[in-house]
Each structure stands twice: as structure tokens, then as C-alpha cells.
Amino acid sequence: MKPFILWMITGLAATGTSQACPLIYAPVCADPPGKGPAEIFSNSCVAESEGYIPRPEGAMIQFDIVGEEFWVYTTSASAISDAKGLLTNGGTLVPMMTLADGASCSGSWTFHAVPDSLTFESLTIELCDGRPSYVEANKAEWLSTVKSFCPWAAKVVGVYDLP
């Protein structure tokens, strides 16, 4: 089963009531098929026993890296602010993040960014530059040796605050 960000669920809440529950996210996330960003972050409710856990406040940041999509869930207020500035005004700051094993928020990759590790830098070393597909093809070495990901060609194409 493909992991996903929980999107709108209709019917009775897991608590047995029709009341709105807090927003709950899957432990690893990806776009559900046919759902856009506005639908992904709607109020929803499912049982934690089904494998879903609450996420702390933060944001989903969508990157385009030379035609490859990469989503990052972050809890860093400064990274969220920087991403919004880049989305609005453009700029050349490079995202830098620590990588970990496990599905990404796009569902396309088997690695993801550690949520509090995202920063935007004016200068990074070339060693951590690359496309998500290159990291995927060399994941074992990347996670054990490089550890960081700083795609120089990344462009912020979306920033979605999570309640």
C-alpha cells in the first residue's frame, strides 16, 4: 500500500461521532492520486490504531528539482519563512536537509528529509548536490556517507501550512 497524506475522509469519525477531529497525518506521506494540495490538508479523522499519528505544526514544501518533484515536511519556522519568500520573490538560496531512510512525501522516493533539518543556504558543498533520482539510485552510500541533500537546482513551487 502506498503511504499518503491523509486527505478528506467522509463519514463517521473514528471516535464514532460526526464531530471534526484534529488533523491527523500518516507517518510518511505522499500525494493521494487525483488530489491537489488544497484537498490534501483538509480536516480529517481516522483511528491512530490504523497507523496514523498526529503531526506537529509545520508545513509541506514542494520542490521542483530539474523536473523531479520532492516534498519536504518541515517543522522549522525559519525554513518555512524562507520557502515562502522564495516562492513569492524568487531567489537563489539552496535547500539543505538531512536525509533518512523511509518513503518521501511524494511517494516517489524511498528516503525523506528529517523534519527539523531543512535550511536554506547561500552556499553549499557540491557533494550534497543532486537530483532525487540520483540519491535513490545511490541511497545506501548517500545515507551512510553524504547524509545531507542540497539540490542546487531546486525551486520552491509550493508551501502549504499545516494547522
Protein backbone atom coordinates (compact mmCIF):
# COMPACT_ATOMS: atom_id res chain seq x y z
CA MET A 1 0.00 0.00 0.00
CA LYS A 2 1.37 3.42 -0.98
CA PRO A 3 1.80 5.80 2.00
CA PHE A 4 -0.13 9.05 1.79
CA ILE A 5 -1.01 12.30 3.48
CA LEU A 6 -4.46 11.84 4.88
CA TRP A 7 -6.96 13.77 2.81
CA MET A 8 -10.66 14.39 3.27
CA ILE A 9 -12.42 11.37 4.75
CA THR A 10 -16.20 11.35 4.77
CA GLY A 11 -18.50 9.52 7.14
CA LEU A 12 -18.30 8.98 10.86
CA ALA A 13 -15.09 9.85 12.62
CA ALA A 14 -13.07 7.09 14.25
CA THR A 15 -14.42 8.25 17.59
CA GLY A 16 -17.92 7.23 16.50
CA THR A 17 -19.15 10.81 16.24
CA SER A 18 -19.58 13.11 13.30
CA GLN A 19 -17.60 15.87 15.02
CA ALA A 20 -14.47 17.19 13.38
CA CYS A 21 -11.29 15.64 14.75
CA PRO A 22 -7.82 17.17 14.83
CA LEU A 23 -5.90 16.97 11.60
CA ILE A 24 -4.03 13.66 11.55
CA TYR A 25 -1.26 12.72 9.14
CA ALA A 26 0.27 9.46 8.06
CA PRO A 27 3.77 8.83 9.48
CA VAL A 28 5.16 9.06 5.94
CA CYS A 29 3.34 10.98 3.30
CA ALA A 30 2.66 11.24 -0.41
CA ASP A 31 0.09 12.84 -2.65
CA PRO A 32 -3.02 10.73 -2.92
CA PRO A 33 -3.88 10.03 -6.56
CA GLY A 34 -6.04 12.74 -8.12
CA LYS A 35 -5.87 15.10 -5.14
CA GLY A 36 -4.37 18.58 -5.30
CA PRO A 37 -2.64 20.41 -2.44
CA ALA A 38 -5.81 22.23 -1.36
CA GLU A 39 -7.57 18.89 -0.81
CA ILE A 40 -4.64 17.21 0.91
CA PHE A 41 -4.72 19.35 4.03
CA SER A 42 -8.43 19.35 4.84
CA ASN A 43 -9.66 18.40 8.32
CA SER A 44 -9.90 14.64 8.58
CA CYS A 45 -10.05 11.94 11.20
CA VAL A 46 -9.00 8.29 11.39
CA ALA A 47 -8.07 5.94 14.19
CA GLU A 48 -4.47 6.02 15.38
CA SER A 49 -4.75 2.24 15.53
CA GLU A 50 -4.80 2.30 11.72
CA GLY A 51 -1.22 3.57 11.75
CA TYR A 52 -1.72 7.32 11.62
CA ILE A 53 -0.09 9.75 14.01
CA PRO A 54 -0.64 13.46 14.68
CA ARG A 55 2.00 15.72 13.14
CA PRO A 56 3.22 18.84 14.92
CA GLU A 57 2.56 22.18 13.27
CA GLY A 58 4.74 22.85 10.29
CA ALA A 59 4.46 22.99 6.53
CA MET A 60 4.76 20.89 3.41
CA ILE A 61 7.21 22.42 0.94
CA GLN A 62 7.07 21.29 -2.67
CA PHE A 63 10.24 21.45 -4.76
CA ASP A 64 10.87 21.01 -8.45
CA ILE A 65 14.39 19.68 -8.98
CA VAL A 66 15.10 19.64 -12.71
CA GLY A 67 11.69 18.13 -13.44
CA GLU A 68 11.62 15.82 -10.41
CA GLU A 69 9.14 16.50 -7.62
CA PHE A 70 10.28 16.34 -4.00
CA TRP A 71 8.09 17.20 -1.00
CA VAL A 72 9.52 18.05 2.41
CA TYR A 73 7.57 18.15 5.66
CA THR A 74 9.29 20.64 7.97
CA THR A 75 8.76 21.96 11.47
CA SER A 76 11.39 24.70 11.06
CA ALA A 77 9.77 28.16 11.26
CA SER A 78 12.77 29.81 9.59
CA ALA A 79 12.75 27.29 6.71
CA ILE A 80 9.02 27.86 6.20
CA SER A 81 9.56 31.62 6.15
CA ASP A 82 12.48 31.31 3.71
CA ALA A 83 10.47 28.99 1.44
CA LYS A 84 7.55 31.43 1.35
CA GLY A 85 9.96 34.24 0.47
CA LEU A 86 11.50 32.20 -2.35
CA LEU A 87 8.07 31.27 -3.65
CA THR A 88 6.90 34.89 -3.65
CA ASN A 89 10.05 36.77 -4.61
CA GLY A 90 12.31 34.19 -6.24
CA GLY A 91 15.93 33.93 -5.26
CA THR A 92 18.86 31.57 -5.29
CA LEU A 93 19.02 30.06 -1.82
CA VAL A 94 19.77 26.33 -1.81
CA PRO A 95 17.69 23.98 0.36
CA MET A 96 19.80 21.79 2.63
CA MET A 97 18.42 18.89 4.62
CA THR A 98 19.46 15.73 6.43
CA LEU A 99 18.14 12.57 4.77
CA ALA A 100 16.73 9.45 6.40
CA ASP A 101 15.52 6.11 5.11
CA GLY A 102 11.77 5.75 4.52
CA ALA A 103 9.27 6.95 1.92
CA SER A 104 9.22 10.59 0.89
CA CYS A 105 6.21 12.85 0.82
CA SER A 106 5.91 12.44 -2.94
CA GLY A 107 5.84 8.67 -2.64
CA SER A 108 8.33 8.54 -5.50
CA TRP A 109 11.40 8.08 -3.31
CA THR A 110 12.38 5.68 -0.53
CA PHE A 111 14.13 8.40 1.50
CA HIS A 112 12.89 11.63 3.10
CA ALA A 113 14.12 14.78 4.82
CA VAL A 114 14.33 14.82 8.61
CA PRO A 115 11.50 17.29 9.52
CA ASP A 116 13.52 19.80 11.58
CA SER A 117 16.63 19.71 9.37
CA LEU A 118 15.61 21.92 6.42
CA THR A 119 17.51 25.19 5.99
CA PHE A 120 18.12 27.47 3.01
CA GLU A 121 21.75 28.39 2.36
CA SER A 122 23.53 30.80 0.04
CA LEU A 123 26.44 28.38 -0.42
CA THR A 124 26.77 24.59 -0.05
CA ILE A 125 29.34 21.97 -0.99
CA GLU A 126 28.92 20.15 -4.28
CA LEU A 127 28.99 16.73 -2.61
CA CYS A 128 25.36 17.02 -1.45
CA ASP A 129 24.02 18.39 -4.78
CA GLY A 130 21.95 16.08 -6.97
CA ARG A 131 18.54 15.01 -8.12
CA PRO A 132 16.25 12.80 -6.05
CA SER A 133 16.64 10.05 -8.69
CA TYR A 134 20.43 10.09 -8.20
CA VAL A 135 20.03 9.85 -4.41
CA GLU A 136 17.57 6.97 -4.92
CA ALA A 137 19.97 5.09 -7.20
CA ASN A 138 22.79 5.52 -4.66
CA LYS A 139 20.75 5.58 -1.45
CA ALA A 140 22.89 3.31 0.75
CA GLU A 141 26.05 5.32 0.09
CA TRP A 142 24.19 8.64 0.28
CA LEU A 143 22.60 7.88 3.66
CA SER A 144 25.79 6.46 5.18
CA THR A 145 28.37 8.88 3.75
CA VAL A 146 26.87 12.09 2.36
CA LYS A 147 23.86 12.28 4.74
CA SER A 148 22.76 15.74 3.54
CA PHE A 149 20.89 16.74 0.40
CA CYS A 150 21.35 20.20 -1.11
CA PRO A 151 19.97 20.24 -4.66
CA TRP A 152 21.35 23.42 -6.22
CA ALA A 153 18.70 23.48 -8.96
CA ALA A 154 15.75 23.12 -6.56
CA LYS A 155 12.91 25.61 -6.94
CA VAL A 156 10.18 26.07 -4.35
CA VAL A 157 6.88 25.60 -6.19
CA GLY A 158 4.52 25.34 -3.21
CA VAL A 159 4.35 25.99 0.53
CA TYR A 160 1.37 24.61 2.46
CA ASP A 161 1.00 25.45 6.16
CA LEU A 162 -0.27 22.64 8.36
CA PRO A 163 -2.52 23.60 11.24
